[in-house]
PDB file of N, CA and C in Angstrom:
ATOM      1  N   MET A   1      76.320 142.007 106.445  1.00  0.00           N
ATOM      2  CA  MET A   1      75.779 140.847 105.655  1.00  0.00           C
ATOM      3  C   MET A   1      76.394 139.601 106.457  1.00  0.00           C
ATOM      4  N   GLY A   2      75.663 138.725 106.813  1.00  0.00           N
ATOM      5  CA  GLY A   2      75.559 137.579 107.359  1.00  0.00           C
ATOM      6  C   GLY A   2      75.767 136.179 106.212  1.00  0.00           C
ATOM      7  N   PHE A   3      77.182 135.884 106.196  1.00  0.00           N
ATOM      8  CA  PHE A   3      77.205 134.770 105.325  1.00  0.00           C
ATOM      9  C   PHE A   3      76.956 133.230 105.583  1.00  0.00           C
ATOM     10  N   VAL A   4      76.711 132.369 105.022  1.00  0.00           N
ATOM     11  CA  VAL A   4      77.024 131.055 105.369  1.00  0.00           C
ATOM     12  C   VAL A   4      78.449 130.682 105.532  1.00  0.00           C
ATOM     13  N   PRO A   5      78.831 130.163 106.653  1.00  0.00           N
ATOM     14  CA  PRO A   5      80.448 130.113 106.736  1.00  0.00           C
ATOM     15  C   PRO A   5      81.154 129.378 105.523  1.00  0.00           C
ATOM     16  N   ASP A   6      80.609 128.207 104.884  1.00  0.00           N
ATOM     17  CA  ASP A   6      81.466 127.900 103.907  1.00  0.00           C
ATOM     18  C   ASP A   6      81.156 128.576 102.551  1.00  0.00           C
ATOM     19  N   GLN A   7      80.432 129.563 102.440  1.00  0.00           N
ATOM     20  CA  GLN A   7      80.361 130.572 101.531  1.00  0.00           C
ATOM     21  C   GLN A   7      81.420 131.964 101.299  1.00  0.00           C
ATOM     22  N   ILE A   8      81.966 132.110 102.631  1.00  0.00           N
ATOM     23  CA  ILE A   8      83.077 133.098 103.034  1.00  0.00           C
ATOM     24  C   ILE A   8      83.735 133.250 101.992  1.00  0.00           C
ATOM     25  N   ASP A   9      84.860 132.250 101.636  1.00  0.00           N
ATOM     26  CA  ASP A   9      85.854 132.427 101.129  1.00  0.00           C
ATOM     27  C   ASP A   9      85.518 132.775  99.523  1.00  0.00           C
ATOM     28  N   ALA A  10      84.310 132.361  98.985  1.00  0.00           N
ATOM     29  CA  ALA A  10      83.702 132.610  97.570  1.00  0.00           C
ATOM     30  C   ALA A  10      83.432 134.229  97.648  1.00  0.00           C
ATOM     31  N   PHE A  11      82.671 134.879  98.693  1.00  0.00           N
ATOM     32  CA  PHE A  11      82.810 135.865  99.125  1.00  0.00           C
ATOM     33  C   PHE A  11      83.526 136.758  98.675  1.00  0.00           C
ATOM     34  N   LEU A  12      84.503 136.640  99.545  1.00  0.00           N
ATOM     35  CA  LEU A  12      86.055 137.117  99.640  1.00  0.00           C
ATOM     36  C   LEU A  12      86.622 137.197  98.172  1.00  0.00           C
ATOM     37  N   GLU A  13      86.492 136.175  97.722  1.00  0.00           N
ATOM     38  CA  GLU A  13      87.227 136.035  96.500  1.00  0.00           C
ATOM     39  C   GLU A  13      86.622 137.015  95.421  1.00  0.00           C
ATOM     40  N   ASN A  14      84.909 136.970  95.273  1.00  0.00           N
ATOM     41  CA  ASN A  14      84.266 138.165  94.514  1.00  0.00           C
ATOM     42  C   ASN A  14      84.821 139.447  94.812  1.00  0.00           C
ATOM     43  N   PHE A  15      84.478 139.812  96.156  1.00  0.00           N
ATOM     44  CA  PHE A  15      84.971 141.016  96.651  1.00  0.00           C
ATOM     45  C   PHE A  15      86.260 141.432  96.166  1.00  0.00           C
ATOM     46  N   GLU A  16      87.212 140.546  96.329  1.00  0.00           N
ATOM     47  CA  GLU A  16      88.731 141.009  95.847  1.00  0.00           C
ATOM     48  C   GLU A  16      88.847 141.299  94.428  1.00  0.00           C
ATOM     49  N   LYS A  17      87.933 140.423  93.651  1.00  0.00           N
ATOM     50  CA  LYS A  17      87.820 140.463  92.069  1.00  0.00           C
ATOM     51  C   LYS A  17      86.998 142.027  91.591  1.00  0.00           C
ATOM     52  N   ASN A  18      86.248 142.553  92.626  1.00  0.00           N
ATOM     53  CA  ASN A  18      85.654 143.880  92.040  1.00  0.00           C
ATOM     54  C   ASN A  18      85.764 144.844  92.841  1.00  0.00           C
ATOM     55  N   LYS A  19      86.749 144.825  93.915  1.00  0.00           N
ATOM     56  CA  LYS A  19      86.722 146.365  94.717  1.00  0.00           C
ATOM     57  C   LYS A  19      87.313 147.155  94.273  1.00  0.00           C
ATOM     58  N   ASP A  20      88.350 147.103  92.844  1.00  0.00           N
ATOM     59  CA  ASP A  20      88.865 148.314  92.436  1.00  0.00           C
ATOM     60  C   ASP A  20      87.904 148.936  91.299  1.00  0.00           C
ATOM     61  N   LYS A  21      86.935 148.078  90.811  1.00  0.00           N
ATOM     62  CA  LYS A  21      85.944 148.432  89.749  1.00  0.00           C
ATOM     63  C   LYS A  21      84.993 149.064  90.843  1.00  0.00           C
ATOM     64  N   ILE A  22      84.414 148.723  91.875  1.00  0.00           N
ATOM     65  CA  ILE A  22      83.649 149.821  92.851  1.00  0.00           C
ATOM     66  C   ILE A  22      84.282 150.901  93.331  1.00  0.00           C
ATOM     67  N   ARG A  23      85.694 150.959  93.768  1.00  0.00           N
ATOM     68  CA  ARG A  23      86.347 152.136  94.034  1.00  0.00           C
ATOM     69  C   ARG A  23      86.438 152.941  93.102  1.00  0.00           C
ATOM     70  N   HIS A  24      86.495 152.579  91.649  1.00  0.00           N
ATOM     71  CA  HIS A  24      86.628 153.651  90.747  1.00  0.00           C
ATOM     72  C   HIS A  24      85.392 154.165  89.750  1.00  0.00           C
ATOM     73  N   PHE A  25      84.406 153.336  90.514  1.00  0.00           N
ATOM     74  CA  PHE A  25      82.852 153.862  89.899  1.00  0.00           C
ATOM     75  C   PHE A  25      82.682 155.227  90.129  1.00  0.00           C
ATOM     76  N   GLU A  26      82.155 156.075  89.271  1.00  0.00           N
ATOM     77  CA  GLU A  26      82.026 157.445  89.254  1.00  0.00           C
ATOM     78  C   GLU A  26      81.121 157.733  90.851  1.00  0.00           C
ATOM     79  N   GLY A  27      81.856 158.710  91.395  1.00  0.00           N
ATOM     80  CA  GLY A  27      81.397 159.170  92.918  1.00  0.00           C
ATOM     81  C   GLY A  27      81.479 158.196  93.658  1.00  0.00           C
ATOM     82  N   CYS A  28      82.505 157.415  93.882  1.00  0.00           N
ATOM     83  CA  CYS A  28      82.738 156.419  94.904  1.00  0.00           C
ATOM     84  C   CYS A  28      84.067 157.279  95.203  1.00  0.00           C
ATOM     85  N   SER A  29      84.482 157.513  96.675  1.00  0.00           N
ATOM     86  CA  SER A  29      85.431 157.750  97.094  1.00  0.00           C
ATOM     87  C   SER A  29      86.376 157.070  98.484  1.00  0.00           C
ATOM     88  N   HIS A  30      85.653 156.036  98.581  1.00  0.00           N
ATOM     89  CA  HIS A  30      86.203 155.246  99.555  1.00  0.00           C
ATOM     90  C   HIS A  30      85.210 153.922  99.546  1.00  0.00           C
ATOM     91  N   LEU A  31      85.731 152.767  99.524  1.00  0.00           N
ATOM     92  CA  LEU A  31      85.199 151.539 100.006  1.00  0.00           C
ATOM     93  C   LEU A  31      86.131 150.476 100.746  1.00  0.00           C
ATOM     94  N   GLN A  32      85.507 150.087 101.860  1.00  0.00           N
ATOM     95  CA  GLN A  32      86.294 149.204 102.745  1.00  0.00           C
ATOM     96  C   GLN A  32      85.469 147.925 103.254  1.00  0.00           C
ATOM     97  N   LEU A  33      86.077 147.079 103.185  1.00  0.00           N
ATOM     98  CA  LEU A  33      85.227 145.735 103.851  1.00  0.00           C
ATOM     99  C   LEU A  33      85.728 145.357 105.454  1.00  0.00           C
ATOM    100  N   LEU A  34      84.790 145.226 106.147  1.00  0.00           N
ATOM    101  CA  LEU A  34      84.906 144.971 107.612  1.00  0.00           C
ATOM    102  C   LEU A  34      84.361 143.676 107.916  1.00  0.00           C
ATOM    103  N   ARG A  35      84.931 143.275 108.995  1.00  0.00           N
ATOM    104  CA  ARG A  35      84.472 141.690 109.764  1.00  0.00           C
ATOM    105  C   ARG A  35      84.412 142.007 111.034  1.00  0.00           C
ATOM    106  N   ASP A  36      83.102 141.557 111.149  1.00  0.00           N
ATOM    107  CA  ASP A  36      83.481 141.229 112.786  1.00  0.00           C
ATOM    108  C   ASP A  36      83.681 140.595 113.615  1.00  0.00           C
ATOM    109  N   ILE A  37      84.405 140.822 114.623  1.00  0.00           N
ATOM    110  CA  ILE A  37      85.747 140.228 115.630  1.00  0.00           C
ATOM    111  C   ILE A  37      84.908 139.080 115.975  1.00  0.00           C
ATOM    112  N   GLN A  38      83.808 139.231 116.501  1.00  0.00           N
ATOM    113  CA  GLN A  38      83.255 138.141 117.608  1.00  0.00           C
ATOM    114  C   GLN A  38      82.063 137.414 116.758  1.00  0.00           C
ATOM    115  N   HIS A  39      81.928 137.756 115.467  1.00  0.00           N
ATOM    116  CA  HIS A  39      80.961 137.013 114.510  1.00  0.00           C
ATOM    117  C   HIS A  39      81.635 136.907 113.032  1.00  0.00           C
ATOM    118  N   THR A  40      82.529 135.785 112.846  1.00  0.00           N
ATOM    119  CA  THR A  40      83.315 136.107 111.637  1.00  0.00           C
ATOM    120  C   THR A  40      82.737 135.604 110.542  1.00  0.00           C
ATOM    121  N   HIS A  41      81.255 135.452 110.351  1.00  0.00           N
ATOM    122  CA  HIS A  41      80.716 135.555 109.192  1.00  0.00           C
ATOM    123  C   HIS A  41      79.848 136.727 109.091  1.00  0.00           C
ATOM    124  N   GLN A  42      80.204 137.618 109.824  1.00  0.00           N
ATOM    125  CA  GLN A  42      79.367 138.940 109.481  1.00  0.00           C
ATOM    126  C   GLN A  42      80.285 139.880 108.955  1.00  0.00           C
ATOM    127  N   PHE A  43      80.085 140.444 107.640  1.00  0.00           N
ATOM    128  CA  PHE A  43      80.761 141.484 107.189  1.00  0.00           C
ATOM    129  C   PHE A  43      79.799 142.859 106.918  1.00  0.00           C
ATOM    130  N   PHE A  44      80.539 143.925 106.735  1.00  0.00           N
ATOM    131  CA  PHE A  44      80.025 145.206 106.542  1.00  0.00           C
ATOM    132  C   PHE A  44      81.047 145.747 105.100  1.00  0.00           C
ATOM    133  N   THR A  45      80.296 146.364 104.254  1.00  0.00           N
ATOM    134  CA  THR A  45      81.028 147.387 103.373  1.00  0.00           C
ATOM    135  C   THR A  45      80.738 148.751 103.715  1.00  0.00           C
ATOM    136  N   TYR A  46      81.896 149.474 103.782  1.00  0.00           N
ATOM    137  CA  TYR A  46      81.661 150.803 104.222  1.00  0.00           C
ATOM    138  C   TYR A  46      82.372 151.771 102.988  1.00  0.00           C
ATOM    139  N   SER A  47      81.285 152.336 102.226  1.00  0.00           N
ATOM    140  CA  SER A  47      81.760 153.172 101.333  1.00  0.00           C
ATOM    141  C   SER A  47      81.057 154.708 101.393  1.00  0.00           C
ATOM    142  N   HIS A  48      81.866 155.678 100.742  1.00  0.00           N
ATOM    143  CA  HIS A  48      81.502 157.152 100.524  1.00  0.00           C
ATOM    144  C   HIS A  48      81.422 157.257  99.161  1.00  0.00           C
ATOM    145  N   TRP A  49      80.028 158.135  98.946  1.00  0.00           N
ATOM    146  CA  TRP A  49      79.605 158.585  97.715  1.00  0.00           C
ATOM    147  C   TRP A  49      79.435 160.164  97.710  1.00  0.00           C
ATOM    148  N   GLU A  50      79.810 160.765  96.512  1.00  0.00           N
ATOM    149  CA  GLU A  50      79.879 162.061  96.427  1.00  0.00           C
ATOM    150  C   GLU A  50      78.361 162.350  96.426  1.00  0.00           C
ATOM    151  N   SER A  51      77.323 161.744  96.153  1.00  0.00           N
ATOM    152  CA  SER A  51      76.208 162.094  96.339  1.00  0.00           C
ATOM    153  C   SER A  51      75.163 160.874  96.212  1.00  0.00           C
ATOM    154  N   GLU A  52      73.973 161.098  96.457  1.00  0.00           N
ATOM    155  CA  GLU A  52      72.811 160.000  96.862  1.00  0.00           C
ATOM    156  C   GLU A  52      72.420 159.621  95.020  1.00  0.00           C
ATOM    157  N   GLU A  53      72.465 160.661  94.306  1.00  0.00           N
ATOM    158  CA  GLU A  53      72.308 160.160  92.638  1.00  0.00           C
ATOM    159  C   GLU A  53      73.554 159.179  92.462  1.00  0.00           C
ATOM    160  N   HIS A  54      74.873 159.629  93.066  1.00  0.00           N
ATOM    161  CA  HIS A  54      76.087 158.795  92.609  1.00  0.00           C
ATOM    162  C   HIS A  54      75.792 157.054  93.111  1.00  0.00           C
ATOM    163  N   LEU A  55      75.225 156.937  94.319  1.00  0.00           N
ATOM    164  CA  LEU A  55      75.308 155.877  94.682  1.00  0.00           C
ATOM    165  C   LEU A  55      74.022 155.070  94.005  1.00  0.00           C
ATOM    166  N   ASN A  56      72.791 155.884  93.767  1.00  0.00           N
ATOM    167  CA  ASN A  56      71.936 155.040  93.142  1.00  0.00           C
ATOM    168  C   ASN A  56      71.907 154.708  91.499  1.00  0.00           C
ATOM    169  N   ASN A  57      73.169 155.376  91.014  1.00  0.00           N
ATOM    170  CA  ASN A  57      73.655 155.242  89.754  1.00  0.00           C
ATOM    171  C   ASN A  57      74.508 153.894  89.687  1.00  0.00           C
ATOM    172  N   TYR A  58      75.381 153.789  90.968  1.00  0.00           N
ATOM    173  CA  TYR A  58      75.787 152.504  91.017  1.00  0.00           C
ATOM    174  C   TYR A  58      74.745 151.297  91.437  1.00  0.00           C
ATOM    175  N   ARG A  59      74.154 151.418  92.435  1.00  0.00           N
ATOM    176  CA  ARG A  59      72.936 150.377  92.361  1.00  0.00           C
ATOM    177  C   ARG A  59      72.050 150.242  91.215  1.00  0.00           C
ATOM    178  N   ASN A  60      72.070 150.939  90.447  1.00  0.00           N
ATOM    179  CA  ASN A  60      71.425 150.384  88.958  1.00  0.00           C
ATOM    180  C   ASN A  60      72.297 150.306  87.945  1.00  0.00           C
ATOM    181  N   SER A  61      73.552 149.783  88.332  1.00  0.00           N
ATOM    182  CA  SER A  61      74.522 149.594  87.280  1.00  0.00           C
ATOM    183  C   SER A  61      74.683 148.191  87.097  1.00  0.00           C
ATOM    184  N   ALA A  62      75.086 147.710  85.854  1.00  0.00           N
ATOM    185  CA  ALA A  62      75.444 146.279  85.534  1.00  0.00           C
ATOM    186  C   ALA A  62      76.585 145.692  86.484  1.00  0.00           C
ATOM    187  N   LEU A  63      77.504 146.604  87.116  1.00  0.00           N
ATOM    188  CA  LEU A  63      78.607 146.153  87.982  1.00  0.00           C
ATOM    189  C   LEU A  63      77.732 145.814  89.277  1.00  0.00           C
ATOM    190  N   PHE A  64      76.910 146.316  89.648  1.00  0.00           N
ATOM    191  CA  PHE A  64      76.394 146.209  90.973  1.00  0.00           C
ATOM    192  C   PHE A  64      75.486 144.890  90.900  1.00  0.00           C
ATOM    193  N   LYS A  65      74.481 145.014  89.863  1.00  0.00           N
ATOM    194  CA  LYS A  65      73.951 143.567  89.519  1.00  0.00           C
ATOM    195  C   LYS A  65      74.544 142.320  89.542  1.00  0.00           C
ATOM    196  N   GLU A  66      75.923 142.639  88.843  1.00  0.00           N
ATOM    197  CA  GLU A  66      76.753 141.283  88.738  1.00  0.00           C
ATOM    198  C   GLU A  66      77.425 140.953  90.010  1.00  0.00           C
ATOM    199  N   VAL A  67      77.719 141.696  90.642  1.00  0.00           N
ATOM    200  CA  VAL A  67      78.384 141.697  92.152  1.00  0.00           C
ATOM    201  C   VAL A  67      77.315 141.076  93.020  1.00  0.00           C
ATOM    202  N   TRP A  68      76.474 141.693  93.025  1.00  0.00           N
ATOM    203  CA  TRP A  68      74.810 141.461  93.772  1.00  0.00           C
ATOM    204  C   TRP A  68      74.600 140.126  93.649  1.00  0.00           C
ATOM    205  N   ALA A  69      74.373 139.448  92.583  1.00  0.00           N
ATOM    206  CA  ALA A  69      73.999 138.296  92.073  1.00  0.00           C
ATOM    207  C   ALA A  69      74.872 137.245  92.558  1.00  0.00           C
ATOM    208  N   ASN A  70      75.985 137.744  92.466  1.00  0.00           N
ATOM    209  CA  ASN A  70      77.250 136.441  93.156  1.00  0.00           C
ATOM    210  C   ASN A  70      77.442 136.828  94.653  1.00  0.00           C
ATOM    211  N   THR A  71      76.708 137.530  95.500  1.00  0.00           N
ATOM    212  CA  THR A  71      76.790 137.651  96.831  1.00  0.00           C
ATOM    213  C   THR A  71      75.516 137.467  97.673  1.00  0.00           C
ATOM    214  N   LYS A  72      74.515 137.443  97.059  1.00  0.00           N
ATOM    215  CA  LYS A  72      73.152 137.471  97.994  1.00  0.00           C
ATOM    216  C   LYS A  72      72.865 135.915  98.007  1.00  0.00           C
ATOM    217  N   ASN A  73      73.427 135.381  97.243  1.00  0.00           N
ATOM    218  CA  ASN A  73      72.985 133.659  97.188  1.00  0.00           C
ATOM    219  C   ASN A  73      74.149 132.915  98.318  1.00  0.00           C
ATOM    220  N   LYS A  74      74.813 133.914  99.091  1.00  0.00           N
ATOM    221  CA  LYS A  74      75.666 133.318  99.869  1.00  0.00           C
ATOM    222  C   LYS A  74      75.435 133.589 101.520  1.00  0.00           C
ATOM    223  N   PHE A  75      74.215 134.591 101.640  1.00  0.00           N
ATOM    224  CA  PHE A  75      73.799 134.912 103.071  1.00  0.00           C
ATOM    225  C   PHE A  75      73.055 133.708 103.825  1.00  0.00           C
ATOM    226  N   ASN A  76      73.198 134.278 105.048  1.00  0.00           N
ATOM    227  CA  ASN A  76      72.288 133.134 105.974  1.00  0.00           C
ATOM    228  C   ASN A  76      71.661 134.052 106.533  1.00  0.00           C
ATOM    229  N   GLN A  77      71.571 135.295 106.184  1.00  0.00           N
ATOM    230  CA  GLN A  77      70.415 136.320 106.995  1.00  0.00           C
ATOM    231  C   GLN A  77      70.090 137.419 105.847  1.00  0.00           C
ATOM    232  N   ARG A  78      69.083 138.308 106.241  1.00  0.00           N
ATOM    233  CA  ARG A  78      68.919 139.197 105.648  1.00  0.00           C
ATOM    234  C   ARG A  78      69.709 140.301 105.457  1.00  0.00           C
ATOM    235  N   PRO A  79      70.133 140.800 104.612  1.00  0.00           N
ATOM    236  CA  PRO A  79      71.300 141.821 104.734  1.00  0.00           C
ATOM    237  C   PRO A  79      70.539 143.367 104.835  1.00  0.00           C
ATOM    238  N   GLU A  80      71.180 143.908 105.429  1.00  0.00           N
ATOM    239  CA  GLU A  80      70.747 145.434 105.900  1.00  0.00           C
ATOM    240  C   GLU A  80      71.636 146.384 105.022  1.00  0.00           C
ATOM    241  N   ALA A  81      71.098 147.832 104.819  1.00  0.00           N
ATOM    242  CA  ALA A  81      71.984 148.553 104.765  1.00  0.00           C
ATOM    243  C   ALA A  81      71.386 149.881 105.004  1.00  0.00           C
ATOM    244  N   TRP A  82      72.457 150.618 105.363  1.00  0.00           N
ATOM    245  CA  TRP A  82      72.229 152.129 105.640  1.00  0.00           C
ATOM    246  C   TRP A  82      72.648 153.320 104.958  1.00  0.00           C
ATOM    247  N   SER A  83      72.305 154.558 104.713  1.00  0.00           N
ATOM    248  CA  SER A  83      73.002 155.524 104.200  1.00  0.00           C
ATOM    249  C   SER A  83      72.808 156.447 105.484  1.00  0.00           C
ATOM    250  N   VAL A  84      74.034 156.932 105.988  1.00  0.00           N
ATOM    251  CA  VAL A  84      74.241 157.981 107.024  1.00  0.00           C
ATOM    252  C   VAL A  84      74.998 159.143 106.783  1.00  0.00           C
ATOM    253  N   ASP A  85      75.049 160.241 107.559  1.00  0.00           N
ATOM    254  CA  ASP A  85      75.899 161.421 107.423  1.00  0.00           C
ATOM    255  C   ASP A  85      76.532 161.687 108.912  1.00  0.00           C
ATOM    256  N   ALA A  86      77.585 162.156 108.134  1.00  0.00           N
ATOM    257  CA  ALA A  86      78.380 162.409 109.946  1.00  0.00           C
ATOM    258  C   ALA A  86      78.090 163.565 110.632  1.00  0.00           C
ATOM    259  N   VAL A  87      78.081 163.556 111.956  1.00  0.00           N
ATOM    260  CA  VAL A  87      77.568 164.851 112.553  1.00  0.00           C
ATOM    261  C   VAL A  87      78.508 165.391 113.477  1.00  0.00           C
TER     262      VAL A  87
END
């Protein structure tokens, strides 16, 4: 996720406010926020979900809708998301 530089603090405040709720959402076993060292306006959330169904339940939840509404208006580029498996 790339952010407008003057919106980063607001994003971090919102993440801090909601991270424990996300971590305790059914099916989530890990959530971490990462920041690009060279491009400090670029962030990644790294999460582990028990199943795709659990992830989809989160994506369809009121919690996600609230967090996303408070996040997407701070972007300076289109966000990307990937679902991956360990090899």
